[in-house]
PDB file of N, CA and C in Angstrom:
ATOM      1  N   MET A   1      88.622 176.323  -1.800  1.00  0.00           N
ATOM      2  CA  MET A   1      88.100 176.238  -0.440  1.00  0.00           C
ATOM      3  C   MET A   1      88.016 174.823   0.009  1.00  0.00           C
ATOM      4  N   ASN A   2      88.527 174.522   1.195  1.00  0.00           N
ATOM      5  CA  ASN A   2      88.518 173.108   1.669  1.00  0.00           C
ATOM      6  C   ASN A   2      87.144 172.778   2.213  1.00  0.00           C
ATOM      7  N   SER A   3      86.950 171.506   2.474  1.00  0.00           N
ATOM      8  CA  SER A   3      85.631 171.019   2.867  1.00  0.00           C
ATOM      9  C   SER A   3      85.194 171.527   4.265  1.00  0.00           C
ATOM     10  N   THR A   4      86.201 171.725   5.189  1.00  0.00           N
ATOM     11  CA  THR A   4      85.795 172.238   6.497  1.00  0.00           C
ATOM     12  C   THR A   4      85.340 173.681   6.398  1.00  0.00           C
ATOM     13  N   ALA A   5      86.048 174.487   5.561  1.00  0.00           N
ATOM     14  CA  ALA A   5      85.571 175.841   5.373  1.00  0.00           C
ATOM     15  C   ALA A   5      84.277 175.913   4.688  1.00  0.00           C
ATOM     16  N   ALA A   6      84.008 175.007   3.750  1.00  0.00           N
ATOM     17  CA  ALA A   6      82.730 174.981   3.030  1.00  0.00           C
ATOM     18  C   ALA A   6      81.623 174.584   3.975  1.00  0.00           C
ATOM     19  N   THR A   7      81.872 173.645   4.897  1.00  0.00           N
ATOM     20  CA  THR A   7      80.843 173.272   5.855  1.00  0.00           C
ATOM     21  C   THR A   7      80.540 174.423   6.785  1.00  0.00           C
ATOM     22  N   ALA A   8      81.575 175.173   7.210  1.00  0.00           N
ATOM     23  CA  ALA A   8      81.388 176.305   8.111  1.00  0.00           C
ATOM     24  C   ALA A   8      80.507 177.387   7.350  1.00  0.00           C
ATOM     25  N   ASP A   9      80.794 177.555   6.059  1.00  0.00           N
ATOM     26  CA  ASP A   9      80.041 178.532   5.295  1.00  0.00           C
ATOM     27  C   ASP A   9      78.581 178.105   5.146  1.00  0.00           C
ATOM     28  N   ARG A  10      78.376 176.797   4.886  1.00  0.00           N
ATOM     29  CA  ARG A  10      77.040 176.213   4.722  1.00  0.00           C
ATOM     30  C   ARG A  10      76.199 176.362   6.017  1.00  0.00           C
ATOM     31  N   LEU A  11      76.880 176.113   7.138  1.00  0.00           N
ATOM     32  CA  LEU A  11      76.211 176.337   8.443  1.00  0.00           C
ATOM     33  C   LEU A  11      75.776 177.799   8.627  1.00  0.00           C
ATOM     34  N   GLU A  12      76.666 178.683   8.352  1.00  0.00           N
ATOM     35  CA  GLU A  12      76.324 180.147   8.441  1.00  0.00           C
ATOM     36  C   GLU A  12      75.237 180.537   7.472  1.00  0.00           C
ATOM     37  N   HIS A  13      75.279 179.932   6.221  1.00  0.00           N
ATOM     38  CA  HIS A  13      74.197 180.195   5.254  1.00  0.00           C
ATOM     39  C   HIS A  13      72.830 179.704   5.787  1.00  0.00           C
ATOM     40  N   LEU A  14      72.781 178.487   6.346  1.00  0.00           N
ATOM     41  CA  LEU A  14      71.591 177.977   6.900  1.00  0.00           C
ATOM     42  C   LEU A  14      71.034 178.944   8.011  1.00  0.00           C
ATOM     43  N   HIS A  15      71.887 179.360   8.851  1.00  0.00           N
ATOM     44  CA  HIS A  15      71.470 180.241   9.925  1.00  0.00           C
ATOM     45  C   HIS A  15      70.971 181.558   9.414  1.00  0.00           C
ATOM     46  N   ALA A  16      71.664 182.126   8.379  1.00  0.00           N
ATOM     47  CA  ALA A  16      71.241 183.376   7.766  1.00  0.00           C
ATOM     48  C   ALA A  16      69.883 183.305   7.069  1.00  0.00           C
ATOM     49  N   ILE A  17      69.557 182.134   6.435  1.00  0.00           N
ATOM     50  CA  ILE A  17      68.292 182.065   5.707  1.00  0.00           C
ATOM     51  C   ILE A  17      67.169 181.582   6.568  1.00  0.00           C
ATOM     52  N   SER A  18      67.422 181.083   7.790  1.00  0.00           N
ATOM     53  CA  SER A  18      66.333 180.494   8.588  1.00  0.00           C
ATOM     54  C   SER A  18      66.295 180.984  10.015  1.00  0.00           C
ATOM     55  N   SER A  19      67.359 181.566  10.499  1.00  0.00           N
ATOM     56  CA  SER A  19      67.530 181.998  11.921  1.00  0.00           C
ATOM     57  C   SER A  19      67.148 180.871  12.882  1.00  0.00           C
ATOM     58  N   LEU A  20      67.466 179.598  12.510  1.00  0.00           N
ATOM     59  CA  LEU A  20      67.226 178.484  13.446  1.00  0.00           C
ATOM     60  C   LEU A  20      68.272 178.473  14.533  1.00  0.00           C
ATOM     61  N   ASP A  21      67.887 178.120  15.702  1.00  0.00           N
ATOM     62  CA  ASP A  21      68.719 178.072  16.867  1.00  0.00           C
ATOM     63  C   ASP A  21      69.802 177.001  16.633  1.00  0.00           C
ATOM     64  N   TRP A  22      71.027 177.192  17.086  1.00  0.00           N
ATOM     65  CA  TRP A  22      72.108 176.244  16.829  1.00  0.00           C
ATOM     66  C   TRP A  22      71.871 174.942  17.506  1.00  0.00           C
ATOM     67  N   GLY A  23      71.212 174.927  18.677  1.00  0.00           N
ATOM     68  CA  GLY A  23      70.882 173.710  19.358  1.00  0.00           C
ATOM     69  C   GLY A  23      69.907 172.862  18.539  1.00  0.00           C
ATOM     70  N   LEU A  24      68.957 173.527  17.932  1.00  0.00           N
ATOM     71  CA  LEU A  24      67.936 172.908  17.086  1.00  0.00           C
ATOM     72  C   LEU A  24      68.609 172.297  15.798  1.00  0.00           C
ATOM     73  N   VAL A  25      69.557 173.069  15.238  1.00  0.00           N
ATOM     74  CA  VAL A  25      70.315 172.566  14.076  1.00  0.00           C
ATOM     75  C   VAL A  25      71.089 171.351  14.455  1.00  0.00           C
ATOM     76  N   ALA A  26      71.718 171.361  15.594  1.00  0.00           N
ATOM     77  CA  ALA A  26      72.504 170.190  16.059  1.00  0.00           C
ATOM     78  C   ALA A  26      71.564 169.003  16.172  1.00  0.00           C
ATOM     79  N   ASN A  27      70.404 169.176  16.756  1.00  0.00           N
ATOM     80  CA  ASN A  27      69.437 168.034  16.909  1.00  0.00           C
ATOM     81  C   ASN A  27      69.053 167.508  15.551  1.00  0.00           C
ATOM     82  N   MET A  28      68.774 168.390  14.612  1.00  0.00           N
ATOM     83  CA  MET A  28      68.353 167.909  13.290  1.00  0.00           C
ATOM     84  C   MET A  28      69.450 167.230  12.527  1.00  0.00           C
ATOM     85  N   LEU A  29      70.705 167.567  12.787  1.00  0.00           N
ATOM     86  CA  LEU A  29      71.834 166.954  12.111  1.00  0.00           C
ATOM     87  C   LEU A  29      72.315 165.726  12.859  1.00  0.00           C
ATOM     88  N   HIS A  30      71.726 165.431  14.054  1.00  0.00           N
ATOM     89  CA  HIS A  30      72.136 164.352  14.890  1.00  0.00           C
ATOM     90  C   HIS A  30      73.549 164.446  15.379  1.00  0.00           C
ATOM     91  N   VAL A  31      73.953 165.645  15.737  1.00  0.00           N
ATOM     92  CA  VAL A  31      75.298 165.861  16.335  1.00  0.00           C
ATOM     93  C   VAL A  31      75.124 166.700  17.594  1.00  0.00           C
ATOM     94  N   SER A  32      76.227 166.843  18.329  1.00  0.00           N
ATOM     95  CA  SER A  32      76.145 167.676  19.562  1.00  0.00           C
ATOM     96  C   SER A  32      76.244 169.148  19.199  1.00  0.00           C
ATOM     97  N   LEU A  33      75.857 169.945  20.129  1.00  0.00           N
ATOM     98  CA  LEU A  33      76.046 171.392  19.908  1.00  0.00           C
ATOM     99  C   LEU A  33      77.503 171.736  19.841  1.00  0.00           C
ATOM    100  N   ASN A  34      78.364 171.068  20.538  1.00  0.00           N
ATOM    101  CA  ASN A  34      79.843 171.270  20.404  1.00  0.00           C
ATOM    102  C   ASN A  34      80.304 170.964  19.004  1.00  0.00           C
ATOM    103  N   ALA A  35      79.754 169.945  18.364  1.00  0.00           N
ATOM    104  CA  ALA A  35      80.153 169.603  17.006  1.00  0.00           C
ATOM    105  C   ALA A  35      79.786 170.758  16.024  1.00  0.00           C
ATOM    106  N   ILE A  36      78.657 171.408  16.317  1.00  0.00           N
ATOM    107  CA  ILE A  36      78.231 172.535  15.443  1.00  0.00           C
ATOM    108  C   ILE A  36      79.219 173.689  15.672  1.00  0.00           C
ATOM    109  N   TYR A  37      79.552 174.001  16.958  1.00  0.00           N
ATOM    110  CA  TYR A  37      80.521 175.062  17.193  1.00  0.00           C
ATOM    111  C   TYR A  37      81.881 174.793  16.612  1.00  0.00           C
ATOM    112  N   PHE A  38      82.326 173.537  16.713  1.00  0.00           N
ATOM    113  CA  PHE A  38      83.625 173.164  16.126  1.00  0.00           C
ATOM    114  C   PHE A  38      83.578 173.320  14.601  1.00  0.00           C
ATOM    115  N   ALA A  39      82.521 172.884  14.001  1.00  0.00           N
ATOM    116  CA  ALA A  39      82.365 172.963  12.522  1.00  0.00           C
ATOM    117  C   ALA A  39      82.348 174.452  12.090  1.00  0.00           C
ATOM    118  N   ARG A  40      81.684 175.291  12.865  1.00  0.00           N
ATOM    119  CA  ARG A  40      81.652 176.709  12.553  1.00  0.00           C
ATOM    120  C   ARG A  40      82.978 177.349  12.666  1.00  0.00           C
ATOM    121  N   ALA A  41      83.845 176.751  13.512  1.00  0.00           N
ATOM    122  CA  ALA A  41      85.246 177.256  13.656  1.00  0.00           C
ATOM    123  C   ALA A  41      86.209 176.649  12.694  1.00  0.00           C
ATOM    124  N   GLY A  42      85.694 175.776  11.794  1.00  0.00           N
ATOM    125  CA  GLY A  42      86.531 175.253  10.706  1.00  0.00           C
ATOM    126  C   GLY A  42      87.028 173.797  10.997  1.00  0.00           C
ATOM    127  N   LYS A  43      86.503 173.150  11.997  1.00  0.00           N
ATOM    128  CA  LYS A  43      86.842 171.769  12.264  1.00  0.00           C
ATOM    129  C   LYS A  43      86.000 170.846  11.376  1.00  0.00           C
ATOM    130  N   ARG A  44      86.439 169.626  11.266  1.00  0.00           N
ATOM    131  CA  ARG A  44      85.778 168.609  10.460  1.00  0.00           C
ATOM    132  C   ARG A  44      84.472 168.180  11.123  1.00  0.00           C
ATOM    133  N   MET A  45      83.459 167.986  10.287  1.00  0.00           N
ATOM    134  CA  MET A  45      82.161 167.441  10.728  1.00  0.00           C
ATOM    135  C   MET A  45      81.935 166.078  10.091  1.00  0.00           C
ATOM    136  N   HIS A  46      81.288 165.191  10.759  1.00  0.00           N
ATOM    137  CA  HIS A  46      81.057 163.861  10.258  1.00  0.00           C
ATOM    138  C   HIS A  46      80.372 163.958   8.941  1.00  0.00           C
ATOM    139  N   PRO A  47      80.749 163.126   7.897  1.00  0.00           N
ATOM    140  CA  PRO A  47      80.165 163.204   6.562  1.00  0.00           C
ATOM    141  C   PRO A  47      78.635 163.022   6.572  1.00  0.00           C
ATOM    142  N   ARG A  48      78.161 162.164   7.402  1.00  0.00           N
ATOM    143  CA  ARG A  48      76.702 161.973   7.440  1.00  0.00           C
ATOM    144  C   ARG A  48      75.987 163.251   7.897  1.00  0.00           C
ATOM    145  N   ALA A  49      76.625 163.970   8.854  1.00  0.00           N
ATOM    146  CA  ALA A  49      76.049 165.264   9.300  1.00  0.00           C
ATOM    147  C   ALA A  49      76.111 166.313   8.182  1.00  0.00           C
ATOM    148  N   VAL A  50      77.200 166.309   7.412  1.00  0.00           N
ATOM    149  CA  VAL A  50      77.270 167.243   6.259  1.00  0.00           C
ATOM    150  C   VAL A  50      76.187 166.922   5.244  1.00  0.00           C
ATOM    151  N   GLU A  51      75.935 165.665   5.014  1.00  0.00           N
ATOM    152  CA  GLU A  51      74.866 165.281   4.088  1.00  0.00           C
ATOM    153  C   GLU A  51      73.561 165.749   4.617  1.00  0.00           C
ATOM    154  N   ARG A  52      73.259 165.554   5.900  1.00  0.00           N
ATOM    155  CA  ARG A  52      72.028 166.041   6.514  1.00  0.00           C
ATOM    156  C   ARG A  52      71.926 167.566   6.441  1.00  0.00           C
ATOM    157  N   LEU A  53      73.068 168.263   6.630  1.00  0.00           N
ATOM    158  CA  LEU A  53      73.072 169.729   6.528  1.00  0.00           C
ATOM    159  C   LEU A  53      72.602 170.170   5.149  1.00  0.00           C
ATOM    160  N   GLU A  54      73.104 169.525   4.076  1.00  0.00           N
ATOM    161  CA  GLU A  54      72.714 169.921   2.740  1.00  0.00           C
ATOM    162  C   GLU A  54      71.218 169.621   2.501  1.00  0.00           C
ATOM    163  N   ALA A  55      70.725 168.495   3.031  1.00  0.00           N
ATOM    164  CA  ALA A  55      69.305 168.191   2.906  1.00  0.00           C
ATOM    165  C   ALA A  55      68.489 169.210   3.716  1.00  0.00           C
ATOM    166  N   LEU A  56      68.952 169.652   4.869  1.00  0.00           N
ATOM    167  CA  LEU A  56      68.180 170.628   5.657  1.00  0.00           C
ATOM    168  C   LEU A  56      68.217 171.966   4.903  1.00  0.00           C
ATOM    169  N   ILE A  57      69.296 172.392   4.320  1.00  0.00           N
ATOM    170  CA  ILE A  57      69.345 173.633   3.582  1.00  0.00           C
ATOM    171  C   ILE A  57      68.353 173.559   2.398  1.00  0.00           C
ATOM    172  N   THR A  58      68.329 172.457   1.725  1.00  0.00           N
ATOM    173  CA  THR A  58      67.366 172.249   0.602  1.00  0.00           C
ATOM    174  C   THR A  58      65.964 172.389   1.077  1.00  0.00           C
ATOM    175  N   LEU A  59      65.628 171.804   2.228  1.00  0.00           N
ATOM    176  CA  LEU A  59      64.272 171.895   2.815  1.00  0.00           C
ATOM    177  C   LEU A  59      63.985 173.369   3.133  1.00  0.00           C
ATOM    178  N   VAL A  60      64.842 174.018   3.811  1.00  0.00           N
ATOM    179  CA  VAL A  60      64.601 175.476   4.209  1.00  0.00           C
ATOM    180  C   VAL A  60      64.411 176.299   2.958  1.00  0.00           C
ATOM    181  N   GLU A  61      65.303 176.126   1.958  1.00  0.00           N
ATOM    182  CA  GLU A  61      65.197 176.903   0.720  1.00  0.00           C
ATOM    183  C   GLU A  61      63.926 176.635  -0.088  1.00  0.00           C
ATOM    184  N   SER A  62      63.268 175.531   0.167  1.00  0.00           N
ATOM    185  CA  SER A  62      62.001 175.205  -0.494  1.00  0.00           C
ATOM    186  C   SER A  62      60.802 175.956   0.080  1.00  0.00           C
ATOM    187  N   SER A  63      61.013 176.649   1.205  1.00  0.00           N
ATOM    188  CA  SER A  63      59.977 177.404   1.828  1.00  0.00           C
ATOM    189  C   SER A  63      59.496 178.534   0.940  1.00  0.00           C
ATOM    190  N   PRO A  64      58.181 178.762   0.927  1.00  0.00           N
ATOM    191  CA  PRO A  64      57.639 179.843   0.102  1.00  0.00           C
ATOM    192  C   PRO A  64      57.914 181.243   0.776  1.00  0.00           C
ATOM    193  N   ALA A  65      58.417 181.270   1.998  1.00  0.00           N
ATOM    194  CA  ALA A  65      58.637 182.493   2.702  1.00  0.00           C
ATOM    195  C   ALA A  65      59.951 183.153   2.099  1.00  0.00           C
ATOM    196  N   ALA A  66      59.972 184.493   2.195  1.00  0.00           N
ATOM    197  CA  ALA A  66      61.098 185.248   1.607  1.00  0.00           C
ATOM    198  C   ALA A  66      62.029 185.755   2.677  1.00  0.00           C
ATOM    199  N   THR A  67      61.649 185.648   3.957  1.00  0.00           N
ATOM    200  CA  THR A  67      62.537 186.201   5.054  1.00  0.00           C
ATOM    201  C   THR A  67      62.968 185.073   5.960  1.00  0.00           C
ATOM    202  N   PRO A  68      64.108 185.262   6.688  1.00  0.00           N
ATOM    203  CA  PRO A  68      64.496 184.250   7.617  1.00  0.00           C
ATOM    204  C   PRO A  68      63.432 183.906   8.705  1.00  0.00           C
ATOM    205  N   GLU A  69      62.776 184.985   9.139  1.00  0.00           N
ATOM    206  CA  GLU A  69      61.706 184.813  10.184  1.00  0.00           C
ATOM    207  C   GLU A  69      60.549 183.973   9.593  1.00  0.00           C
ATOM    208  N   GLY A  70      60.197 184.272   8.313  1.00  0.00           N
ATOM    209  CA  GLY A  70      59.124 183.522   7.676  1.00  0.00           C
ATOM    210  C   GLY A  70      59.469 182.051   7.489  1.00  0.00           C
ATOM    211  N   ARG A  71      60.765 181.772   7.082  1.00  0.00           N
ATOM    212  CA  ARG A  71      61.198 180.435   6.903  1.00  0.00           C
ATOM    213  C   ARG A  71      61.240 179.677   8.253  1.00  0.00           C
ATOM    214  N   ASN A  72      61.640 180.382   9.290  1.00  0.00           N
ATOM    215  CA  ASN A  72      61.596 179.817  10.630  1.00  0.00           C
ATOM    216  C   ASN A  72      60.189 179.412  11.039  1.00  0.00           C
ATOM    217  N   ASP A  73      59.261 180.301  10.868  1.00  0.00           N
ATOM    218  CA  ASP A  73      57.869 180.012  11.150  1.00  0.00           C
ATOM    219  C   ASP A  73      57.351 178.844  10.324  1.00  0.00           C
ATOM    220  N   TRP A  74      57.746 178.822   9.037  1.00  0.00           N
ATOM    221  CA  TRP A  74      57.352 177.694   8.147  1.00  0.00           C
ATOM    222  C   TRP A  74      57.852 176.372   8.630  1.00  0.00           C
ATOM    223  N   MET A  75      59.048 176.360   9.144  1.00  0.00           N
ATOM    224  CA  MET A  75      59.633 175.105   9.681  1.00  0.00           C
ATOM    225  C   MET A  75      58.804 174.579  10.924  1.00  0.00           C
ATOM    226  N   PHE A  76      58.216 175.487  11.668  1.00  0.00           N
ATOM    227  CA  PHE A  76      57.464 175.110  12.818  1.00  0.00           C
ATOM    228  C   PHE A  76      55.992 174.834  12.524  1.00  0.00           C
ATOM    229  N   GLU A  77      55.518 174.995  11.337  1.00  0.00           N
ATOM    230  CA  GLU A  77      54.130 174.676  10.967  1.00  0.00           C
ATOM    231  C   GLU A  77      53.864 173.205  11.071  1.00  0.00           C
ATOM    232  N   VAL A  78      52.785 172.840  11.558  1.00  0.00           N
ATOM    233  CA  VAL A  78      52.370 171.415  11.626  1.00  0.00           C
ATOM    234  C   VAL A  78      52.012 170.930  10.215  1.00  0.00           C
ATOM    235  N   ILE A  79      52.556 169.786   9.818  1.00  0.00           N
ATOM    236  CA  ILE A  79      52.397 169.318   8.439  1.00  0.00           C
ATOM    237  C   ILE A  79      51.567 168.011   8.330  1.00  0.00           C
ATOM    238  N   ASP A  80      51.522 167.205   9.385  1.00  0.00           N
ATOM    239  CA  ASP A  80      50.798 165.967   9.231  1.00  0.00           C
ATOM    240  C   ASP A  80      49.923 165.639  10.412  1.00  0.00           C
ATOM    241  N   GLY A  81      49.368 166.669  10.991  1.00  0.00           N
ATOM    242  CA  GLY A  81      48.446 166.476  12.076  1.00  0.00           C
ATOM    243  C   GLY A  81      49.043 166.621  13.449  1.00  0.00           C
ATOM    244  N   TRP A  82      50.319 166.309  13.587  1.00  0.00           N
ATOM    245  CA  TRP A  82      50.972 166.384  14.881  1.00  0.00           C
ATOM    246  C   TRP A  82      52.453 166.781  14.850  1.00  0.00           C
ATOM    247  N   ARG A  83      53.116 166.600  13.722  1.00  0.00           N
ATOM    248  CA  ARG A  83      54.549 166.963  13.641  1.00  0.00           C
ATOM    249  C   ARG A  83      54.743 168.184  12.795  1.00  0.00           C
ATOM    250  N   ASN A  84      55.752 168.978  13.166  1.00  0.00           N
ATOM    251  CA  ASN A  84      56.150 170.072  12.305  1.00  0.00           C
ATOM    252  C   ASN A  84      57.292 169.630  11.421  1.00  0.00           C
ATOM    253  N   ARG A  85      57.726 170.502  10.523  1.00  0.00           N
ATOM    254  CA  ARG A  85      58.797 170.090   9.590  1.00  0.00           C
ATOM    255  C   ARG A  85      60.112 169.781  10.321  1.00  0.00           C
ATOM    256  N   ILE A  86      60.360 170.426  11.398  1.00  0.00           N
ATOM    257  CA  ILE A  86      61.599 170.137  12.206  1.00  0.00           C
ATOM    258  C   ILE A  86      61.549 168.709  12.724  1.00  0.00           C
ATOM    259  N   GLN A  87      60.441 168.360  13.344  1.00  0.00           N
ATOM    260  CA  GLN A  87      60.338 166.946  13.883  1.00  0.00           C
ATOM    261  C   GLN A  87      60.354 165.974  12.729  1.00  0.00           C
ATOM    262  N   TRP A  88      59.730 166.258  11.618  1.00  0.00           N
ATOM    263  CA  TRP A  88      59.747 165.354  10.485  1.00  0.00           C
ATOM    264  C   TRP A  88      61.184 165.148   9.983  1.00  0.00           C
ATOM    265  N   PHE A  89      61.902 166.248   9.829  1.00  0.00           N
ATOM    266  CA  PHE A  89      63.310 166.159   9.334  1.00  0.00           C
ATOM    267  C   PHE A  89      64.173 165.464  10.322  1.00  0.00           C
ATOM    268  N   ALA A  90      64.005 165.694  11.599  1.00  0.00           N
ATOM    269  CA  ALA A  90      64.874 165.048  12.661  1.00  0.00           C
ATOM    270  C   ALA A  90      64.669 163.545  12.613  1.00  0.00           C
ATOM    271  N   ALA A  91      63.481 163.085  12.252  1.00  0.00           N
ATOM    272  CA  ALA A  91      63.176 161.656  12.233  1.00  0.00           C
ATOM    273  C   ALA A  91      63.715 160.990  10.987  1.00  0.00           C
ATOM    274  N   LEU A  92      64.141 161.732   9.904  1.00  0.00           N
ATOM    275  CA  LEU A  92      64.653 161.090   8.726  1.00  0.00           C
ATOM    276  C   LEU A  92      65.950 160.351   8.999  1.00  0.00           C
ATOM    277  N   GLY A  93      66.057 159.142   8.464  1.00  0.00           N
ATOM    278  CA  GLY A  93      67.308 158.412   8.603  1.00  0.00           C
ATOM    279  C   GLY A  93      67.459 157.688   9.915  1.00  0.00           C
ATOM    280  N   ARG A  94      66.518 157.795  10.827  1.00  0.00           N
ATOM    281  CA  ARG A  94      66.594 157.146  12.089  1.00  0.00           C
ATOM    282  C   ARG A  94      66.128 155.703  11.927  1.00  0.00           C
ATOM    283  N   ARG A  95      66.278 154.909  12.962  1.00  0.00           N
ATOM    284  CA  ARG A  95      65.928 153.477  12.912  1.00  0.00           C
ATOM    285  C   ARG A  95      64.634 153.216  12.220  1.00  0.00           C
ATOM    286  N   GLY A  96      64.614 152.236  11.391  1.00  0.00           N
ATOM    287  CA  GLY A  96      63.388 151.849  10.708  1.00  0.00           C
ATOM    288  C   GLY A  96      62.998 152.724   9.511  1.00  0.00           C
ATOM    289  N   ARG A  97      63.783 153.680   9.196  1.00  0.00           N
ATOM    290  CA  ARG A  97      63.443 154.610   8.082  1.00  0.00           C
ATOM    291  C   ARG A  97      64.539 154.486   6.970  1.00  0.00           C
ATOM    292  N   VAL A  98      64.229 154.885   5.802  1.00  0.00           N
ATOM    293  CA  VAL A  98      65.189 154.880   4.733  1.00  0.00           C
ATOM    294  C   VAL A  98      66.233 155.936   4.926  1.00  0.00           C
ATOM    295  N   PRO A  99      67.498 155.628   4.801  1.00  0.00           N
ATOM    296  CA  PRO A  99      68.533 156.645   4.962  1.00  0.00           C
ATOM    297  C   PRO A  99      68.425 157.776   3.870  1.00  0.00           C
ATOM    298  N   LEU A 100      68.978 158.913   4.178  1.00  0.00           N
ATOM    299  CA  LEU A 100      68.958 160.008   3.192  1.00  0.00           C
ATOM    300  C   LEU A 100      69.645 159.632   1.914  1.00  0.00           C
ATOM    301  N   GLN A 101      70.714 158.883   2.040  1.00  0.00           N
ATOM    302  CA  GLN A 101      71.519 158.466   0.906  1.00  0.00           C
ATOM    303  C   GLN A 101      71.979 157.047   1.134  1.00  0.00           C
ATOM    304  N   GLY A 102      72.151 156.284   0.120  1.00  0.00           N
ATOM    305  CA  GLY A 102      72.616 154.946   0.281  1.00  0.00           C
ATOM    306  C   GLY A 102      71.781 153.957  -0.504  1.00  0.00           C
ATOM    307  N   SER A 103      71.767 152.735  -0.088  1.00  0.00           N
ATOM    308  CA  SER A 103      71.134 151.671  -0.861  1.00  0.00           C
ATOM    309  C   SER A 103      69.623 151.683  -0.730  1.00  0.00           C
ATOM    310  N   GLY A 104      69.065 152.322   0.342  1.00  0.00           N
ATOM    311  CA  GLY A 104      67.648 152.331   0.527  1.00  0.00           C
ATOM    312  C   GLY A 104      67.160 151.104   1.297  1.00  0.00           C
ATOM    313  N   TYR A 105      68.083 150.248   1.695  1.00  0.00           N
ATOM    314  CA  TYR A 105      67.774 149.067   2.487  1.00  0.00           C
ATOM    315  C   TYR A 105      68.367 149.158   3.871  1.00  0.00           C
ATOM    316  N   THR A 106      67.710 148.536   4.782  1.00  0.00           N
ATOM    317  CA  THR A 106      68.215 148.465   6.176  1.00  0.00           C
ATOM    318  C   THR A 106      69.372 147.390   6.202  1.00  0.00           C
ATOM    319  N   PRO A 107      70.225 147.430   7.243  1.00  0.00           N
ATOM    320  CA  PRO A 107      71.248 146.399   7.330  1.00  0.00           C
ATOM    321  C   PRO A 107      70.669 144.986   7.403  1.00  0.00           C
ATOM    322  N   ALA A 108      69.571 144.809   8.049  1.00  0.00           N
ATOM    323  CA  ALA A 108      68.943 143.511   8.120  1.00  0.00           C
ATOM    324  C   ALA A 108      68.493 143.030   6.757  1.00  0.00           C
ATOM    325  N   GLN A 109      67.980 143.933   5.936  1.00  0.00           N
ATOM    326  CA  GLN A 109      67.574 143.578   4.583  1.00  0.00           C
ATOM    327  C   GLN A 109      68.809 143.224   3.687  1.00  0.00           C
ATOM    328  N   LEU A 110      69.908 144.001   3.884  1.00  0.00           N
ATOM    329  CA  LEU A 110      71.097 143.736   3.092  1.00  0.00           C
ATOM    330  C   LEU A 110      71.675 142.383   3.461  1.00  0.00           C
ATOM    331  N   LEU A 111      71.564 141.950   4.743  1.00  0.00           N
ATOM    332  CA  LEU A 111      72.121 140.693   5.196  1.00  0.00           C
ATOM    333  C   LEU A 111      71.183 139.490   4.927  1.00  0.00           C
ATOM    334  N   GLY A 112      69.972 139.819   4.477  1.00  0.00           N
ATOM    335  CA  GLY A 112      69.025 138.771   4.138  1.00  0.00           C
ATOM    336  C   GLY A 112      68.230 138.299   5.302  1.00  0.00           C
ATOM    337  N   ALA A 113      68.251 138.984   6.455  1.00  0.00           N
ATOM    338  CA  ALA A 113      67.517 138.550   7.616  1.00  0.00           C
ATOM    339  C   ALA A 113      66.043 138.826   7.503  1.00  0.00           C
ATOM    340  N   VAL A 114      65.698 139.852   6.712  1.00  0.00           N
ATOM    341  CA  VAL A 114      64.331 140.177   6.497  1.00  0.00           C
ATOM    342  C   VAL A 114      64.065 140.431   5.037  1.00  0.00           C
ATOM    343  N   THR A 115      62.825 140.351   4.589  1.00  0.00           N
ATOM    344  CA  THR A 115      62.473 140.656   3.206  1.00  0.00           C
ATOM    345  C   THR A 115      62.460 142.120   2.959  1.00  0.00           C
ATOM    346  N   GLU A 116      62.261 142.507   1.683  1.00  0.00           N
ATOM    347  CA  GLU A 116      62.159 143.958   1.396  1.00  0.00           C
ATOM    348  C   GLU A 116      60.968 144.596   2.082  1.00  0.00           C
ATOM    349  N   ASP A 117      59.926 143.827   2.429  1.00  0.00           N
ATOM    350  CA  ASP A 117      58.778 144.356   3.124  1.00  0.00           C
ATOM    351  C   ASP A 117      59.026 144.452   4.652  1.00  0.00           C
ATOM    352  N   GLY A 118      60.167 143.989   5.130  1.00  0.00           N
ATOM    353  CA  GLY A 118      60.439 144.092   6.547  1.00  0.00           C
ATOM    354  C   GLY A 118      60.032 142.876   7.340  1.00  0.00           C
ATOM    355  N   GLU A 119      59.529 141.860   6.629  1.00  0.00           N
ATOM    356  CA  GLU A 119      59.081 140.583   7.270  1.00  0.00           C
ATOM    357  C   GLU A 119      60.248 139.664   7.505  1.00  0.00           C
ATOM    358  N   PRO A 120      60.359 138.978   8.629  1.00  0.00           N
ATOM    359  CA  PRO A 120      61.498 138.098   8.922  1.00  0.00           C
ATOM    360  C   PRO A 120      61.449 136.938   7.877  1.00  0.00           C
ATOM    361  N   ARG A 121      62.626 136.503   7.482  1.00  0.00           N
ATOM    362  CA  ARG A 121      62.765 135.343   6.587  1.00  0.00           C
ATOM    363  C   ARG A 121      62.656 134.053   7.391  1.00  0.00           C
ATOM    364  N   GLY A 122      62.127 133.039   6.832  1.00  0.00           N
ATOM    365  CA  GLY A 122      62.210 131.810   7.560  1.00  0.00           C
ATOM    366  C   GLY A 122      61.056 131.035   7.477  1.00  0.00           C
TER     367      GLY A 122
END
């Protein structure tokens, strides 16, 4: 099975186990809705989005619920006083946060412009 077919299968698996809306999935993967539709049709998806897809599937599969509807409800539960799991996941890897995979440092830290604590050098 090639990687585009595997990605399409993983998207369908995510939808089957969670019944999440495709627009919501697109938002959490940081891609357009068209990118989701293209990937479901067997087109290539950006590698970073595929990485996020696998992380999202892992999160959904960690739910204690046994049904797609239960997992969907679990994703919408508030977890830290104001955000639900969907908002928390969507914020992963965005500016100022550690990427899902990689060195664990921001570009500014890698270039030596700031310390590991995020403080400017100088």
